[in-house]
Amino acid sequence: MAASTSFQKKTRVKIPQISGTKPSLLNSQLLISTGVPSLDNIIGGGLAVGTVLLIEEDTYGSYARLLVKYFVAESVMTRHSTLLADLDTDPNSLIQELPAPITDDPEEAMSEGADSGSMKIAWRYQNKPKVQSNQPSAKFGHYYDLTKSMSAETVASSDILTLSSLDFKHSLDPCPFMTPHYRRLLQHIHSRIESGRFSTSQQCDSRSILRIAIHSLGSPLWGESGGLGPDGSSDPSLPRFLYALRSILRSAYACCLITVPSHLFQDPGFVERLVRLSDTAIRLESFAGSMKEKNLAFKEYHGLLHLRQLPRLNSLISHMPDTLDLAFKLRRKKFTIEKLHLPPELSESASRDQEDPAPRFKPTSLACGGPSSKLDF
């Protein structure tokens, strides 16, 4: 009788073909675009399906809110489903302010010009079959014009569910593990995944992605006080919410973008727990209201972007960008993230000691081996 073995032939994992997605070149993880191509390149090509992107808001929250608009606008353009939760402002007003897509972006113009040009390939290669790609035919990522709003017809044709403060007024039974607002939000997310058949255990003819955007999570309107309870004791409701949310997303075709006003939290250790419980984390440092706003070295930028954590999916190490010195700028039509380039320091008002520290290390006349040394051995 032949001995049984546990050897199994390794087979190629089939990557689902979903509109608006592409497989990662690093680990074959399914990726979606955040709506900002420069941000996609920094975090590894896009946001991995089943993960959480945590954004620490700037002081005034304007740039974080702008990233939420980009995220929702990309969901509309790729025909993905959207769940938007916002207790600070009306989420419907954010939907009405979505930027309009740019149809004549430079990449499309170049590709169209190449197709319509006079250059022809050799006749012997015309009938050759084209190389098939694993990526879906739909375009990955779009460019948007902030000076224009997306048409109401386009927004109305998309699948968007908004959650405002009115959806969190129903009282729940008290629970020692989590505050009612976070429990209610988890219930909405779980029911949306089940009803939309976004779970990996559910069979579906045509797959789609559920994009979850939660704006300003952890603000006082969510019942959060920086990890402290009403009596001053520790309140781990927000970290437990992130832990439960990640466990739900791991088995669903869904992604979540969360903005957190971390500048309102007094305990830096509490913020670090939130970062560790997310897959990808970035922090926006705006120059508005700070001394850097008047610094000529930063006149080309509006703030700094700090990479707090990058995802480690199917790998022991994470993707590492070319540089960690990143800054963002907001122009009239677009928001971009670039490598921070500081101009050289050519100030004429600086003192000689600051410009040339070498004289402090020049040998004195009593140094051994000097040209005027008087030491005799």
Protein backbone atom coordinates (compact mmCIF):
# COMPACT_ATOMS: atom_id res chain seq x y z
CA MET A 1 0.00 0.00 0.00
CA ALA A 2 1.46 3.32 -1.03
CA ALA A 3 2.09 5.79 1.74
CA SER A 4 -0.13 8.88 1.64
CA THR A 5 1.49 12.25 1.28
CA SER A 6 0.37 15.79 2.02
CA PHE A 7 2.01 17.18 -1.10
CA GLN A 8 -0.29 19.33 -3.22
CA LYS A 9 0.51 20.88 -6.55
CA LYS A 10 0.68 24.64 -6.34
CA THR A 11 -1.87 26.24 -8.61
CA ARG A 12 -2.16 29.81 -9.76
CA VAL A 13 -4.70 31.80 -7.77
CA LYS A 14 -7.37 33.21 -10.04
CA ILE A 15 -7.73 36.95 -9.57
CA PRO A 16 -11.30 38.18 -10.09
CA GLN A 17 -11.83 40.63 -12.95
CA ILE A 18 -13.66 43.56 -11.37
CA SER A 19 -14.09 46.95 -12.95
CA GLY A 20 -11.89 49.63 -11.42
CA THR A 21 -9.42 47.14 -9.90
CA LYS A 22 -6.01 45.75 -10.79
CA PRO A 23 -3.69 43.15 -9.24
CA SER A 24 -0.68 44.39 -7.35
CA LEU A 25 2.72 43.77 -8.94
CA LEU A 26 4.19 43.07 -5.50
CA ASN A 27 1.87 40.46 -4.01
CA SER A 28 -1.04 40.02 -6.52
CA GLN A 29 -3.39 41.67 -4.06
CA LEU A 30 -6.46 43.26 -5.66
CA LEU A 31 -6.11 47.06 -5.63
CA ILE A 32 -8.46 49.99 -6.10
CA SER A 33 -7.61 53.64 -6.62
CA THR A 34 -8.02 56.23 -3.89
CA GLY A 35 -8.87 58.85 -6.51
CA VAL A 36 -5.46 60.53 -6.16
CA PRO A 37 -2.92 58.84 -8.49
CA SER A 38 0.06 60.28 -6.61
CA LEU A 39 -1.25 58.78 -3.36
CA ASP A 40 -1.76 55.42 -5.06
CA ASN A 41 1.90 55.31 -6.10
CA ILE A 42 3.08 56.09 -2.59
CA ILE A 43 1.13 53.36 -0.81
CA GLY A 44 2.06 50.63 -3.29
CA GLY A 45 -0.05 51.16 -6.40
CA GLY A 46 -3.43 51.56 -4.75
CA LEU A 47 -5.56 50.59 -1.79
CA ALA A 48 -5.76 46.84 -1.26
CA VAL A 49 -9.22 45.31 -1.12
CA GLY A 50 -10.15 44.25 2.40
CA THR A 51 -7.97 46.83 4.15
CA VAL A 52 -8.40 50.08 6.09
CA LEU A 53 -6.77 53.40 5.18
CA LEU A 54 -6.49 55.73 8.18
CA ILE A 55 -5.92 59.44 7.53
CA GLU A 56 -4.95 61.70 10.43
CA GLU A 57 -6.68 64.96 9.63
CA ASP A 58 -5.00 68.32 9.35
CA THR A 59 -5.88 70.96 11.94
CA TYR A 60 -8.80 72.42 10.01
CA GLY A 61 -9.77 69.17 8.30
CA SER A 62 -10.09 70.70 4.82
CA TYR A 63 -7.55 68.49 3.06
CA ALA A 64 -8.82 65.31 4.71
CA ARG A 65 -12.33 66.15 3.57
CA LEU A 66 -10.96 66.67 0.07
CA LEU A 67 -9.46 63.16 0.06
CA VAL A 68 -12.86 61.77 1.02
CA LYS A 69 -14.36 63.54 -2.00
CA TYR A 70 -11.75 62.02 -4.27
CA PHE A 71 -12.42 58.57 -2.82
CA VAL A 72 -16.19 58.82 -3.34
CA ALA A 73 -15.80 60.36 -6.80
CA GLU A 74 -13.62 57.43 -7.87
CA SER A 75 -16.30 55.08 -6.58
CA VAL A 76 -18.89 56.79 -8.77
CA MET A 77 -16.68 56.65 -11.86
CA THR A 78 -15.86 52.95 -11.43
CA ARG A 79 -19.48 51.99 -10.66
CA HIS A 80 -18.62 50.76 -7.19
CA SER A 81 -21.03 50.88 -4.28
CA THR A 82 -20.46 53.52 -1.61
CA LEU A 83 -21.24 53.81 2.08
CA LEU A 84 -20.55 57.31 3.43
CA ALA A 85 -20.87 58.07 7.15
CA ASP A 86 -20.49 61.60 8.53
CA LEU A 87 -21.81 63.02 11.78
CA ASP A 88 -20.04 66.39 11.67
CA THR A 89 -21.69 67.63 8.48
CA ASP A 90 -24.44 66.53 6.15
CA PRO A 91 -23.04 63.72 3.95
CA ASN A 92 -25.39 64.71 1.13
CA SER A 93 -23.61 68.07 0.87
CA LEU A 94 -20.33 66.23 0.36
CA ILE A 95 -21.93 64.15 -2.39
CA GLN A 96 -23.03 67.32 -4.17
CA GLU A 97 -19.45 68.68 -4.08
CA LEU A 98 -17.77 65.74 -5.82
CA PRO A 99 -15.21 66.92 -8.39
CA ALA A 100 -15.91 66.33 -12.08
CA PRO A 101 -13.68 63.86 -13.95
CA ILE A 102 -11.27 65.07 -16.60
CA THR A 103 -11.94 63.19 -19.80
CA ASP A 104 -9.11 64.75 -21.80
CA ASP A 105 -6.28 64.04 -19.36
CA PRO A 106 -2.72 63.93 -20.76
CA GLU A 107 -2.42 60.15 -20.71
CA GLU A 108 -5.62 59.64 -22.69
CA ALA A 109 -4.63 62.35 -25.13
CA MET A 110 -1.29 60.69 -25.74
CA SER A 111 -2.86 57.28 -26.24
CA GLU A 112 -5.49 58.65 -28.61
CA GLY A 113 -2.86 60.53 -30.56
CA ALA A 114 -0.80 57.39 -30.93
CA ASP A 115 -3.79 55.44 -32.22
CA SER A 116 -4.85 58.09 -34.74
CA GLY A 117 -1.36 58.96 -35.95
CA SER A 118 0.13 58.18 -39.30
CA MET A 119 2.65 55.66 -37.95
CA LYS A 120 1.81 52.10 -38.99
CA ILE A 121 3.30 48.83 -37.86
CA ALA A 122 4.77 46.35 -40.29
CA TRP A 123 2.24 44.30 -42.24
CA ARG A 124 3.73 41.02 -40.99
CA TYR A 125 2.76 41.93 -37.40
CA GLN A 126 -0.76 43.19 -38.07
CA ASN A 127 -2.40 39.78 -37.83
CA LYS A 128 -0.46 38.71 -34.77
CA PRO A 129 -2.59 38.23 -31.63
CA LYS A 130 -2.20 40.89 -29.01
CA VAL A 131 -0.71 40.10 -25.63
CA GLN A 132 -3.45 39.48 -23.11
CA SER A 133 -3.11 41.23 -19.77
CA ASN A 134 -4.44 40.08 -16.42
CA GLN A 135 -5.69 43.57 -15.70
CA PRO A 136 -9.30 44.45 -16.53
CA SER A 137 -9.95 46.62 -19.52
CA ALA A 138 -11.41 49.43 -17.42
CA LYS A 139 -9.08 52.30 -16.64
CA PHE A 140 -7.49 52.33 -13.19
CA GLY A 141 -7.70 55.74 -11.57
CA HIS A 142 -9.08 59.00 -12.90
CA TYR A 143 -8.14 62.66 -12.85
CA TYR A 144 -10.56 65.28 -11.53
CA ASP A 145 -11.13 69.00 -11.87
CA LEU A 146 -11.82 70.69 -8.55
CA THR A 147 -13.29 73.76 -10.25
CA LYS A 148 -16.21 71.72 -11.59
CA SER A 149 -18.77 69.52 -9.86
CA MET A 150 -19.84 66.10 -11.01
CA SER A 151 -23.18 66.09 -12.81
CA ALA A 152 -26.26 65.24 -10.77
CA GLU A 153 -27.26 62.56 -13.28
CA THR A 154 -23.97 60.73 -12.83
CA VAL A 155 -24.24 60.83 -9.05
CA ALA A 156 -27.89 59.75 -9.09
CA SER A 157 -27.08 56.71 -11.21
CA SER A 158 -24.54 55.40 -8.68
CA ASP A 159 -25.17 53.24 -5.62
CA ILE A 160 -24.51 55.54 -2.63
CA LEU A 161 -25.80 55.05 0.91
CA THR A 162 -25.27 57.92 3.35
CA LEU A 163 -25.37 57.78 7.13
CA SER A 164 -25.93 60.99 9.08
CA SER A 165 -26.64 61.81 12.72
CA LEU A 166 -30.30 60.88 12.18
CA ASP A 167 -29.29 57.23 11.62
CA PHE A 168 -27.62 57.04 15.03
CA LYS A 169 -30.41 58.35 17.24
CA HIS A 170 -31.94 54.95 17.92
CA SER A 171 -30.81 53.71 21.28
CA LEU A 172 -29.13 50.32 21.69
CA ASP A 173 -28.75 48.08 24.65
CA PRO A 174 -25.74 49.07 26.76
CA CYS A 175 -22.60 47.15 25.95
CA PRO A 176 -19.40 47.19 28.02
CA PHE A 177 -17.18 46.66 24.98
CA MET A 178 -18.14 49.54 22.68
CA THR A 179 -20.09 52.79 22.64
CA PRO A 180 -23.51 52.81 20.89
CA HIS A 181 -22.37 54.92 17.92
CA TYR A 182 -19.58 52.55 16.98
CA ARG A 183 -21.83 49.51 17.43
CA ARG A 184 -24.48 51.06 15.22
CA LEU A 185 -21.89 51.84 12.54
CA LEU A 186 -20.62 48.26 12.58
CA GLN A 187 -24.18 47.01 12.17
CA HIS A 188 -24.73 49.26 9.15
CA ILE A 189 -21.50 48.10 7.54
CA HIS A 190 -22.22 44.41 8.17
CA SER A 191 -25.78 44.63 6.87
CA ARG A 192 -24.60 46.52 3.75
CA ILE A 193 -22.05 43.82 3.00
CA GLU A 194 -24.60 41.07 3.43
CA SER A 195 -27.40 42.75 1.48
CA GLY A 196 -25.09 43.77 -1.37
CA ARG A 197 -23.49 40.30 -1.54
CA PHE A 198 -19.99 41.67 -1.07
CA SER A 199 -18.90 38.83 1.20
CA THR A 200 -16.40 36.33 -0.20
CA SER A 201 -18.61 33.48 1.02
CA GLN A 202 -21.56 34.65 -1.08
CA GLN A 203 -21.94 33.72 -4.73
CA CYS A 204 -22.48 36.58 -7.15
CA ASP A 205 -22.72 36.75 -10.94
CA SER A 206 -20.98 40.12 -11.30
CA ARG A 207 -18.65 41.22 -8.53
CA SER A 208 -18.27 44.80 -7.40
CA ILE A 209 -16.44 46.63 -4.64
CA LEU A 210 -17.99 48.35 -1.62
CA ARG A 211 -16.16 51.57 -0.73
CA ILE A 212 -16.71 52.71 2.84
CA ALA A 213 -15.83 56.30 3.72
CA ILE A 214 -16.08 57.48 7.34
CA HIS A 215 -15.39 61.16 7.81
CA SER A 216 -13.98 62.53 11.08
CA LEU A 217 -14.40 59.32 13.06
CA GLY A 218 -13.52 59.86 16.72
CA SER A 219 -14.81 63.43 16.93
CA PRO A 220 -16.92 64.45 19.97
CA LEU A 221 -20.09 63.90 17.91
CA TRP A 222 -19.26 60.19 17.82
CA GLY A 223 -19.16 60.14 21.62
CA GLU A 224 -15.37 59.94 21.67
CA SER A 225 -13.16 61.77 24.16
CA GLY A 226 -9.72 60.58 23.21
CA GLY A 227 -9.94 57.13 24.75
CA LEU A 228 -11.33 58.32 28.07
CA GLY A 229 -14.70 57.50 29.57
CA PRO A 230 -17.06 59.90 31.38
CA ASP A 231 -15.43 59.08 34.72
CA GLY A 232 -11.89 59.50 33.40
CA SER A 233 -11.23 55.78 32.99
CA SER A 234 -9.87 54.21 29.81
CA ASP A 235 -12.35 53.74 26.96
CA PRO A 236 -11.02 51.38 24.23
CA SER A 237 -14.16 51.63 22.08
CA LEU A 238 -12.44 53.16 19.04
CA PRO A 239 -9.55 50.64 18.91
CA ARG A 240 -12.04 47.81 19.31
CA PHE A 241 -14.12 49.25 16.49
CA LEU A 242 -11.10 49.25 14.16
CA TYR A 243 -10.25 45.71 15.17
CA ALA A 244 -13.80 44.51 14.45
CA LEU A 245 -13.93 46.48 11.19
CA ARG A 246 -10.75 44.88 9.86
CA SER A 247 -12.06 41.41 10.69
CA ILE A 248 -15.21 42.15 8.68
CA LEU A 249 -13.35 43.57 5.69
CA ARG A 250 -10.89 40.68 5.49
CA SER A 251 -13.66 38.42 4.17
CA ALA A 252 -15.39 40.94 1.90
CA TYR A 253 -14.83 42.78 -1.36
CA ALA A 254 -14.74 46.09 0.47
CA CYS A 255 -12.32 48.85 1.45
CA CYS A 256 -12.59 51.56 4.05
CA LEU A 257 -11.16 55.08 4.22
CA ILE A 258 -11.32 56.72 7.65
CA THR A 259 -10.32 60.24 8.64
CA VAL A 260 -9.56 60.81 12.32
CA PRO A 261 -9.02 64.20 14.04
CA SER A 262 -5.96 62.96 15.93
CA HIS A 263 -5.02 66.50 16.95
CA LEU A 264 -7.97 66.40 19.38
CA PHE A 265 -6.51 63.45 21.29
CA GLN A 266 -4.24 64.30 24.20
CA ASP A 267 -2.67 60.87 24.59
CA PRO A 268 -0.13 60.09 21.81
CA GLY A 269 -0.20 56.44 22.82
CA PHE A 270 -3.88 56.28 21.95
CA VAL A 271 -3.14 57.59 18.45
CA GLU A 272 -0.42 54.98 18.03
CA ARG A 273 -2.92 52.24 18.85
CA LEU A 274 -5.21 53.50 16.11
CA VAL A 275 -2.33 53.51 13.63
CA ARG A 276 -1.29 49.95 14.52
CA LEU A 277 -4.89 48.72 14.15
CA SER A 278 -5.10 50.04 10.58
CA ASP A 279 -3.42 48.66 7.47
CA THR A 280 -2.30 51.93 5.91
CA ALA A 281 -1.96 55.19 7.83
CA ILE A 282 -0.92 58.67 6.74
CA ARG A 283 -0.91 62.03 8.51
CA LEU A 284 -1.63 65.39 6.91
CA GLU A 285 0.28 68.34 8.37
CA SER A 286 -1.12 71.56 6.96
CA PHE A 287 0.90 74.77 6.99
CA ALA A 288 -2.23 76.85 7.58
CA GLY A 289 -2.00 78.69 10.89
CA SER A 290 1.60 77.64 11.57
CA MET A 291 4.99 79.30 11.20
CA LYS A 292 5.77 77.17 8.16
CA GLU A 293 3.07 79.00 6.25
CA LYS A 294 5.33 82.08 6.07
CA ASN A 295 8.54 80.14 5.55
CA LEU A 296 9.89 80.76 2.05
CA ALA A 297 11.31 77.25 1.95
CA PHE A 298 7.76 75.81 1.84
CA LYS A 299 6.17 78.42 -0.41
CA GLU A 300 5.54 75.86 -3.16
CA TYR A 301 3.56 73.52 -0.88
CA HIS A 302 0.54 73.59 1.41
CA GLY A 303 1.55 70.88 3.85
CA LEU A 304 3.55 67.75 4.59
CA LEU A 305 2.43 64.15 4.24
CA HIS A 306 3.79 61.69 6.78
CA LEU A 307 3.67 57.95 6.12
CA ARG A 308 2.72 56.43 9.43
CA GLN A 309 2.23 52.83 8.32
CA LEU A 310 2.26 50.84 5.10
CA PRO A 311 0.44 47.52 4.61
CA ARG A 312 2.17 44.14 4.86
CA LEU A 313 -0.05 41.82 2.87
CA ASN A 314 1.12 38.35 1.85
CA SER A 315 4.64 39.50 2.61
CA LEU A 316 6.99 40.04 5.54
CA ILE A 317 7.92 43.52 4.38
CA SER A 318 5.91 46.42 3.05
CA HIS A 319 6.29 48.48 -0.08
CA MET A 320 8.78 51.27 0.44
CA PRO A 321 8.53 54.41 -1.70
CA ASP A 322 11.56 56.15 -3.14
CA THR A 323 11.49 58.85 -0.46
CA LEU A 324 9.70 59.64 2.78
CA ASP A 325 10.04 63.41 2.39
CA LEU A 326 6.62 64.10 0.89
CA ALA A 327 4.56 67.25 0.60
CA PHE A 328 1.20 68.07 -0.93
CA LYS A 329 -0.04 71.10 -2.80
CA LEU A 330 -3.53 72.21 -3.76
CA ARG A 331 -3.77 74.01 -7.04
CA ARG A 332 -6.87 75.49 -8.55
CA LYS A 333 -7.88 72.28 -10.28
CA LYS A 334 -6.11 69.40 -8.56
CA PHE A 335 -4.51 68.04 -5.42
CA THR A 336 -1.11 66.38 -5.80
CA ILE A 337 1.51 64.78 -3.58
CA GLU A 338 5.14 65.32 -4.55
CA LYS A 339 8.64 64.79 -3.28
CA LEU A 340 9.67 67.63 -1.01
CA HIS A 341 12.33 69.78 -2.66
CA LEU A 342 13.80 72.45 -0.39
CA PRO A 343 15.79 75.31 -1.94
CA PRO A 344 19.44 75.77 -0.91
CA GLU A 345 20.15 78.00 2.06
CA LEU A 346 21.71 81.16 0.57
CA SER A 347 20.77 83.65 3.23
CA GLU A 348 23.19 86.60 3.45
CA SER A 349 22.05 87.53 6.93
CA ALA A 350 23.34 84.34 8.48
CA SER A 351 26.40 84.63 10.68
CA ARG A 352 29.78 83.37 9.57
CA ASP A 353 29.81 80.68 12.25
CA GLN A 354 26.60 79.17 10.87
CA GLU A 355 27.73 79.31 7.23
CA ASP A 356 31.21 77.87 7.74
CA PRO A 357 31.63 75.73 10.85
CA ALA A 358 35.08 74.58 9.67
CA PRO A 359 37.08 77.30 11.55
CA ARG A 360 35.99 75.78 14.85
CA PHE A 361 37.85 72.60 13.92
CA LYS A 362 41.02 74.17 12.48
CA PRO A 363 44.19 73.12 14.31
CA THR A 364 45.79 75.69 16.58
CA SER A 365 49.44 76.64 16.60
CA LEU A 366 50.13 74.12 19.38
CA ALA A 367 48.82 71.12 17.49
CA CYS A 368 51.22 68.26 16.95
CA GLY A 369 52.63 68.08 13.45
CA GLY A 370 51.55 71.60 12.55
CA PRO A 371 53.73 73.86 10.46
CA SER A 372 54.53 76.06 13.47
CA SER A 373 54.65 73.40 16.15
CA LYS A 374 57.06 74.19 18.98
CA LEU A 375 56.87 70.79 20.67
CA ASP A 376 60.20 68.93 20.74
CA PHE A 377 60.22 65.20 21.37
